Amino acid sequence: MLRALKNTIIYHVSMGAVTLLGLLPTRFAPLAARAVGQLAHLLARHERRLARRHLEMALDSSKSNTRAELLTRGVFLQLAKSAVELCRLRNAPHKSPCVRCSNRSRQAFDHALEKNRGVIFVTGHIGNWELLAHALSQMGYPVSTVAKESYDPRFTRQIDRFRQRSGVQVIYRGRPGAPAAMLRALKEGRAIGFLIDQDTRVPSAFVPFFGRPASTPVGPAELAVRTGAAVVVGTIHRTPRGTHVIDIEPCPIPSNVKQATAMMTARLEERIRRHPTQWVWFHQRWRTRPSKRVAA
């Protein structure tokens, strides 16, 4: 009962904040994002320490305490900006941020779709990743995404409404029929988005990520090898002017699933290195050690 009460309070407070942020006039949105980011950086002490430790470990920021601190603050600010953007987009679809997709990226995506085997769209928690699926769907691309249900079904329903309104089909891994739904989406010529940059409880393999072995989902590589679907790596990042840029490139993979997973991960690492504050550095990416995980 106490847990249910706690979850109910969290849900209503969160939805109240989402509604409030979504109603902000455009001129106040940047100020609100900065305030939310600074507050999160101050209060989320555990996440702040993790982010800084991982940044120092991966980018050798330990040589400059000032740089490590600035990058850590930037992580929270970028996430806050994404949160405010999505709140505004949820309440008013016409308030969508400016998103650009270059001709090179469009051609890469179009070429993959033209093979008529579906597309494995590999991405990560980079930039405003929820906006990525929304924007591609609004551009007319048939987009599906593989997601995990929230601990609270009410949050899952809210996220479902947002994605469905955007035209994004959601496939929840772990639900009965999920594998069949993925195969069906590929047969329909859809692009299925997979986020492979986190240590999750799914079949995984250890591949290099910032110079250290990281447990990485192998599902997308297995599906691509099995079906012959084209593979692309696509991410979105925020520019200093506040606009967003979608970057998509083809990613031909070998038939070896582990090697294919390593290749996809290396492409994501390149994007993170270019935009270090726009990745979720407080995630425990290297939590699982090779000696503690039975081979997938």
Protein backbone atom coordinates (compact mmCIF):
# COMPACT_ATOMS: atom_id res chain seq x y z
CA MET A 1 0.00 0.00 0.00
CA LEU A 2 2.81 2.40 0.85
CA ARG A 3 4.55 1.66 -2.43
CA ALA A 4 1.33 2.18 -4.36
CA LEU A 5 0.76 5.49 -2.56
CA LYS A 6 4.32 6.59 -3.29
CA ASN A 7 3.95 5.70 -6.98
CA THR A 8 0.65 7.59 -7.17
CA ILE A 9 2.22 10.71 -5.66
CA ILE A 10 5.19 10.48 -8.02
CA TYR A 11 2.88 10.05 -11.00
CA HIS A 12 0.62 13.02 -10.23
CA VAL A 13 3.50 15.32 -9.29
CA SER A 14 5.35 14.34 -12.47
CA MET A 15 2.32 14.86 -14.70
CA GLY A 16 1.63 18.19 -13.02
CA ALA A 17 5.18 19.30 -13.76
CA VAL A 18 4.89 18.06 -17.35
CA THR A 19 1.68 20.05 -17.84
CA LEU A 20 3.14 23.18 -16.26
CA LEU A 21 6.32 23.05 -18.34
CA GLY A 22 4.28 22.34 -21.45
CA LEU A 23 2.25 25.51 -20.98
CA LEU A 24 5.30 27.79 -20.75
CA PRO A 25 5.51 30.56 -23.33
CA THR A 26 8.34 30.06 -25.81
CA ARG A 27 10.44 32.90 -24.40
CA PHE A 28 10.48 31.32 -20.93
CA ALA A 29 11.32 27.76 -22.03
CA PRO A 30 15.15 28.22 -22.08
CA LEU A 31 15.08 29.78 -18.61
CA ALA A 32 12.97 26.92 -17.28
CA ALA A 33 15.29 24.34 -18.82
CA ARG A 34 18.33 25.96 -17.24
CA ALA A 35 16.62 26.09 -13.85
CA VAL A 36 15.57 22.43 -14.09
CA GLY A 37 19.05 21.39 -15.17
CA GLN A 38 20.75 23.27 -12.35
CA LEU A 39 18.31 21.87 -9.80
CA ALA A 40 18.82 18.31 -11.06
CA HIS A 41 22.60 18.75 -10.96
CA LEU A 42 22.35 19.97 -7.38
CA LEU A 43 19.93 17.36 -6.04
CA ALA A 44 20.91 14.22 -7.97
CA ARG A 45 24.16 13.71 -6.11
CA HIS A 46 24.54 10.02 -6.93
CA GLU A 47 23.94 10.56 -10.65
CA ARG A 48 26.23 13.60 -10.62
CA ARG A 49 29.09 11.58 -9.15
CA LEU A 50 28.53 8.74 -11.61
CA ALA A 51 28.48 11.09 -14.59
CA ARG A 52 31.70 12.77 -13.57
CA ARG A 53 33.45 9.46 -12.83
CA HIS A 54 32.44 8.02 -16.19
CA LEU A 55 33.47 11.16 -18.05
CA GLU A 56 36.88 11.12 -16.39
CA MET A 57 37.26 7.42 -17.15
CA ALA A 58 36.15 7.57 -20.78
CA LEU A 59 37.38 10.96 -21.94
CA ASP A 60 40.39 11.36 -19.64
CA SER A 61 38.85 14.51 -18.21
CA SER A 62 40.76 13.90 -14.99
CA LYS A 63 43.58 15.99 -16.45
CA SER A 64 41.28 18.99 -16.08
CA ASN A 65 38.94 19.21 -13.11
CA THR A 66 37.30 22.25 -14.65
CA ARG A 67 36.55 20.41 -17.91
CA ALA A 68 35.12 17.41 -16.08
CA GLU A 69 32.86 19.66 -14.00
CA LEU A 70 31.69 21.63 -17.03
CA LEU A 71 30.88 18.46 -18.96
CA THR A 72 28.95 17.02 -16.02
CA ARG A 73 26.90 20.21 -15.67
CA GLY A 74 26.31 20.13 -19.42
CA VAL A 75 24.86 16.62 -19.23
CA PHE A 76 22.14 17.75 -16.81
CA LEU A 77 21.44 20.92 -18.77
CA GLN A 78 21.05 19.06 -22.07
CA LEU A 79 18.66 16.53 -20.50
CA ALA A 80 16.62 19.35 -18.98
CA LYS A 81 16.37 21.03 -22.38
CA SER A 82 15.12 17.78 -23.89
CA ALA A 83 12.58 17.34 -21.10
CA VAL A 84 11.15 20.84 -21.56
CA GLU A 85 11.01 20.38 -25.34
CA LEU A 86 9.05 17.15 -24.97
CA CYS A 87 6.67 18.66 -22.42
CA ARG A 88 5.88 21.48 -24.80
CA LEU A 89 5.56 19.07 -27.72
CA ARG A 90 3.16 16.87 -25.74
CA ASN A 91 0.84 19.78 -24.96
CA ALA A 92 1.13 21.52 -28.31
CA PRO A 93 2.41 19.53 -31.32
CA HIS A 94 2.88 22.76 -33.28
CA LYS A 95 5.61 23.76 -30.81
CA SER A 96 7.98 21.12 -32.15
CA PRO A 97 11.64 22.22 -32.08
CA CYS A 98 13.37 22.88 -35.37
CA VAL A 99 14.78 19.57 -36.69
CA ARG A 100 16.99 19.31 -39.78
CA CYS A 101 17.89 16.18 -41.70
CA SER A 102 20.55 16.57 -44.39
CA ASN A 103 20.16 15.21 -47.90
CA ARG A 104 22.97 12.75 -47.15
CA SER A 105 21.09 11.35 -44.17
CA ARG A 106 17.79 11.18 -46.07
CA GLN A 107 19.48 9.37 -48.95
CA ALA A 108 21.06 6.86 -46.59
CA PHE A 109 17.70 6.14 -44.96
CA ASP A 110 15.80 6.04 -48.25
CA HIS A 111 18.34 3.66 -49.78
CA ALA A 112 18.02 1.29 -46.81
CA LEU A 113 14.23 1.31 -47.02
CA GLU A 114 14.27 0.73 -50.78
CA LYS A 115 15.76 -2.74 -50.24
CA ASN A 116 12.28 -3.82 -49.03
CA ARG A 117 13.57 -5.92 -46.15
CA GLY A 118 12.90 -3.41 -43.43
CA VAL A 119 15.56 -1.43 -41.59
CA ILE A 120 17.31 -1.97 -38.27
CA PHE A 121 17.73 1.60 -37.00
CA VAL A 122 20.48 1.57 -34.35
CA THR A 123 20.57 4.54 -32.01
CA GLY A 124 21.29 5.50 -28.41
CA HIS A 125 20.36 7.88 -25.63
CA ILE A 126 22.02 10.78 -27.43
CA GLY A 127 20.49 14.23 -27.68
CA ASN A 128 16.70 14.31 -27.57
CA TRP A 129 16.30 10.69 -28.69
CA GLU A 130 12.51 10.72 -28.22
CA LEU A 131 12.32 13.64 -30.64
CA LEU A 132 14.28 11.61 -33.20
CA ALA A 133 11.51 9.04 -33.70
CA HIS A 134 8.85 11.78 -33.64
CA ALA A 135 10.62 13.86 -36.29
CA LEU A 136 11.29 10.94 -38.65
CA SER A 137 7.67 9.84 -38.41
CA GLN A 138 6.49 13.38 -39.14
CA MET A 139 8.74 13.33 -42.23
CA GLY A 140 6.71 10.38 -43.50
CA TYR A 141 9.03 7.52 -42.57
CA PRO A 142 7.44 4.30 -41.21
CA VAL A 143 9.01 4.16 -37.76
CA SER A 144 8.67 1.56 -35.02
CA THR A 145 10.62 1.50 -31.78
CA VAL A 146 11.47 -1.23 -29.30
CA ALA A 147 10.93 -0.04 -25.75
CA LYS A 148 10.70 -1.23 -22.17
CA GLU A 149 7.55 -0.67 -20.16
CA SER A 150 7.69 1.74 -17.22
CA TYR A 151 7.45 0.42 -13.68
CA ASP A 152 4.15 2.32 -13.48
CA PRO A 153 1.57 1.43 -16.20
CA ARG A 154 0.22 4.98 -16.03
CA PHE A 155 3.53 6.36 -17.30
CA THR A 156 3.54 3.70 -20.03
CA ARG A 157 0.09 4.83 -21.18
CA GLN A 158 1.17 8.48 -21.27
CA ILE A 159 4.26 7.67 -23.31
CA ASP A 160 2.16 5.47 -25.61
CA ARG A 161 -0.24 8.32 -26.33
CA PHE A 162 2.61 10.66 -27.19
CA ARG A 163 4.30 8.17 -29.53
CA GLN A 164 1.11 7.06 -31.22
CA ARG A 165 0.06 10.66 -31.80
CA SER A 166 3.42 11.13 -33.48
CA GLY A 167 2.80 8.11 -35.69
CA VAL A 168 5.43 5.95 -33.99
CA GLN A 169 4.58 2.27 -33.52
CA VAL A 170 5.81 0.86 -30.17
CA ILE A 171 6.92 -2.74 -29.63
CA TYR A 172 7.46 -3.58 -25.97
CA ARG A 173 10.19 -6.12 -25.45
CA GLY A 174 9.23 -8.76 -22.93
CA ARG A 175 5.58 -8.78 -23.94
CA PRO A 176 4.18 -11.93 -25.56
CA GLY A 177 4.41 -11.66 -29.31
CA ALA A 178 7.17 -9.03 -29.37
CA PRO A 179 9.54 -11.07 -31.63
CA ALA A 180 6.69 -11.73 -34.07
CA ALA A 181 5.79 -8.02 -34.05
CA MET A 182 9.38 -7.12 -35.00
CA LEU A 183 9.39 -9.58 -37.88
CA ARG A 184 6.03 -8.27 -39.03
CA ALA A 185 7.26 -4.67 -38.93
CA LEU A 186 10.27 -5.58 -41.07
CA LYS A 187 8.06 -7.39 -43.59
CA GLU A 188 5.93 -4.26 -43.79
CA GLY A 189 9.03 -2.29 -44.72
CA ARG A 190 9.25 -0.36 -41.46
CA ALA A 191 12.35 0.88 -39.66
CA ILE A 192 12.70 -0.51 -36.14
CA GLY A 193 14.62 1.65 -33.69
CA PHE A 194 16.86 -0.07 -31.14
CA LEU A 195 18.78 1.72 -28.39
CA ILE A 196 21.89 -0.37 -27.70
CA ASP A 197 23.94 1.93 -25.48
CA GLN A 198 22.83 0.64 -22.07
CA ASP A 199 23.58 -2.36 -19.87
CA THR A 200 20.20 -4.11 -19.71
CA ARG A 201 18.92 -7.57 -18.85
CA VAL A 202 18.69 -8.86 -22.40
CA PRO A 203 20.93 -11.24 -24.39
CA SER A 204 24.20 -9.35 -24.66
CA ALA A 205 27.85 -9.58 -25.59
CA PHE A 206 30.89 -7.67 -24.37
CA VAL A 207 32.22 -5.24 -26.95
CA PRO A 208 34.55 -2.23 -26.62
CA PHE A 209 32.98 1.04 -25.56
CA PHE A 210 35.37 3.90 -24.79
CA GLY A 211 38.16 1.38 -24.44
CA ARG A 212 36.42 -0.91 -21.94
CA PRO A 213 34.31 -4.03 -22.41
CA ALA A 214 30.63 -3.15 -22.07
CA SER A 215 27.68 -5.54 -22.01
CA THR A 216 25.72 -4.62 -25.14
CA PRO A 217 22.41 -5.98 -26.52
CA VAL A 218 22.90 -8.33 -29.48
CA GLY A 219 19.24 -8.47 -30.53
CA PRO A 220 19.49 -5.91 -33.36
CA ALA A 221 22.52 -7.63 -34.89
CA GLU A 222 20.89 -11.07 -34.62
CA LEU A 223 17.70 -9.77 -36.24
CA ALA A 224 19.63 -8.11 -39.07
CA VAL A 225 21.70 -11.23 -39.76
CA ARG A 226 18.61 -13.46 -39.64
CA THR A 227 16.37 -11.34 -41.89
CA GLY A 228 18.85 -9.55 -44.15
CA ALA A 229 17.39 -6.19 -43.11
CA ALA A 230 19.51 -3.14 -43.86
CA VAL A 231 21.22 -1.51 -40.90
CA VAL A 232 21.68 2.21 -40.32
CA VAL A 233 23.02 4.15 -37.37
CA GLY A 234 21.07 7.30 -36.64
CA THR A 235 21.25 9.89 -33.88
CA ILE A 236 20.09 13.41 -33.18
CA HIS A 237 22.04 16.21 -31.54
CA ARG A 238 21.28 19.75 -30.44
CA THR A 239 23.26 22.62 -31.94
CA PRO A 240 24.40 25.70 -29.98
CA ARG A 241 21.49 27.60 -31.58
CA GLY A 242 18.97 25.16 -30.12
CA THR A 243 18.05 23.44 -33.38
CA HIS A 244 18.39 19.68 -33.84
CA VAL A 245 20.27 17.77 -36.53
CA ILE A 246 19.55 14.16 -37.51
CA ASP A 247 22.59 12.19 -38.65
CA ILE A 248 21.98 8.84 -40.41
CA GLU A 249 24.58 6.64 -42.05
CA PRO A 250 24.55 3.11 -43.50
CA CYS A 251 26.22 0.44 -41.40
CA PRO A 252 26.94 -2.74 -43.39
CA ILE A 253 27.60 -5.50 -40.87
CA PRO A 254 29.35 -8.88 -40.93
CA SER A 255 27.45 -12.11 -40.28
CA ASN A 256 29.19 -12.54 -36.92
CA VAL A 257 26.76 -11.13 -34.36
CA LYS A 258 29.36 -10.00 -31.83
CA GLN A 259 31.47 -8.27 -34.49
CA ALA A 260 28.34 -6.60 -35.86
CA THR A 261 27.38 -5.37 -32.38
CA ALA A 262 30.89 -4.01 -31.87
CA MET A 263 30.70 -2.14 -35.18
CA MET A 264 27.35 -0.55 -34.29
CA THR A 265 28.64 0.44 -30.85
CA ALA A 266 31.76 2.02 -32.33
CA ARG A 267 29.58 4.22 -34.58
CA LEU A 268 27.61 5.40 -31.54
CA GLU A 269 30.80 6.08 -29.62
CA GLU A 270 31.96 8.37 -32.42
CA ARG A 271 28.75 10.41 -32.08
CA ILE A 272 29.10 10.64 -28.29
CA ARG A 273 32.69 11.83 -28.59
CA ARG A 274 31.53 14.62 -30.89
CA HIS A 275 28.77 15.70 -28.48
CA PRO A 276 29.88 14.50 -25.02
CA THR A 277 27.32 16.45 -22.99
CA GLN A 278 24.43 14.93 -24.94
CA TRP A 279 24.75 11.37 -23.64
CA VAL A 280 23.47 9.94 -20.33
CA TRP A 281 26.81 9.54 -18.57
CA PHE A 282 25.21 8.68 -15.23
CA HIS A 283 23.98 5.35 -16.61
CA GLN A 284 26.12 2.50 -15.22
CA ARG A 285 27.28 1.41 -18.65
CA TRP A 286 30.14 -0.75 -17.38
CA ARG A 287 28.25 -2.23 -14.41
CA THR A 288 28.37 -5.84 -15.64
CA ARG A 289 31.87 -7.30 -15.74
CA PRO A 290 32.91 -10.00 -18.21
CA SER A 291 33.77 -12.38 -15.38
CA LYS A 292 30.25 -12.05 -13.94
CA ARG A 293 28.19 -12.63 -17.07
CA VAL A 294 27.61 -15.98 -18.70
CA ALA A 295 28.19 -15.67 -22.44
CA ALA A 296 24.98 -14.81 -24.25
